[in-house]
Amino acid sequence: MWDLYQKHKIPMLAIGIAFIFVAVWLFGIRTPAWAVYIDGDRKLVVKDAAKVEEVVDQLEKKACRSGEQDVSPENKIELKLCFADREDLIPPQRIASYLKQDLNFQARAAAITVDGKEVVYVDNQRAAQRVLDKIKKAHSYPADGEKLVSVRFEEKVEIKEATVPIAQLKNEVEAWVIMTTGTEKAEKYVVKEGDSLWLIARQHNMYVNDIVQANRVGEDEELQLGQELLLKRCQPYVNVVAKFEGNKVEDIPYETKVVTDRSASTGVYVKQEGKEGEKRISYVEVRKNGVATRKDILEEKILRAAVDKVLVKGGRASYVAMTGTPSRGGGYGLCWPCYGPITQPYRGGHTGIDIGGSTGRTIQAAAGGVVSYTGRQGGYGNFVIINHGGGLVTRYAHLNSINVSRGQRVAGGQMIGTMGSTGRSTGPHLHFEVLSGGSFVNPLNYLR
């Protein structure tokens, strides 16, 4: 037995010594550690797993914009036990700088949705509601003598819970700007006969300067037929519809009567100045983003009658009625498109005359010609254009209904629609324009 012990004594001693050497190497050069994996990739090795959890908590607090947010990492973080060389261990004070590079944080937030689409994210539902209330309030201030009846969004607007990256969260001011300015939409516009920068801007609810900057053209530059313009305009995500009831005193526009004196030379002079009257009205008005879209008069009382303005027009020059052919005097014989007072004359910035009346009043073609356009066009509302030939064009805006179609040939005096208040309009009237050679001219010089 002793011989057997002596026989194995040397190998056992060698094994023991080897074990000691391995243990010294393993625990002297390599040490137990924790490998940190982010989204499945090994990123760093640390000595203390608790320090990693502490640093993640600190980063969560820094990412949190308010004490009410529920913030968490977007990434999957795993800690696995391993052996590592001591020089590979990341010091505790440097763990945060390593994790910052790879971690992204998300938060529970409130999403404002428009017609089912998530538009903007804010901290919580209370913040979202404040944004929506501010948008409504901006377009629901009643004027003197008015009271607000109701206010709503035209679109379906909801607030929903969502989990989103911290970078997508907006404060209340940023969210308000996004909701009210919306997205920039660009479209091409081809210049037609009679177009001007001012007219195009008005038709598309834009400013002339917006068109100038987008196309590098001068404000006074003459546009060419077929020229392409790029129209850029912002479209808000939401539209506010407010309803008001009111009582106020309004001016009654005086009627302008034109008398032809065939013994006098060509021209127009004032025989009698007009005086506005006054009336007290009760009304209900609907406004979209602060612009009136409908106004119903509930009661009206005349306080002072208006006095007609009388214009005398010389008739010595010859006119050719409803042919579109220039006369020797350079005029055209156009018949009045409807009866009513001239509430707005032709002047700088106003490219036609406004003829007042009531909704449904017949509008007739001022002369024979071909209908070149029918439809809705920006501030003009329901709109008809008639080309009479010889460079003469007449245009009829704010119609309640249109009774002709594009390409149709019409006779002078033929009904083309009815008076209304569509587009940018404060009440039923006809906005009537005359263009000669592509330029706006005073309709009173062409009407007979």
Foldseek 3Di string as FASTA:
>chain_A
DVVVCVVCVVVVVVVVVVVVVVVCCQPVFKNKWKFKDKQRHTQAIARDPVLLVVLQVVVQVVLDPDPPKDKDWPIDIDIDIDIDGPVRHDDSVCSNVSVVVPTFMKIKWKFKDWQRHGQATARYPVLVVVLVVVLQVLQQDDDPFKDWDDKDWPTDIDIDIDIDTSVRHDGSVVVNCCQAQPDKDKDKDFDAFLDALLVQCQLVVHDSVQQCVQAVDDNPDDDDGRDITMHIGTDHSIKMKIKMKGKDKDKAAAAEAEAEDQVDDFDKDWPFDKFIFIKIWIWMFMDISNFTADIDTPDIGTPGHIGHTYMYGHNNFDEDEQQLDAGPVREHEFAAQFDAGFRAFDDVPQQETKGDDAWFGFGWGRHWFFWADFDQTAQQGTKTKGDNDQQKIKIKGQFPFADDDHGDTDGHGHTGGTWHAHHRGPTTIIGMWMTGNSHTDGCVSHYD
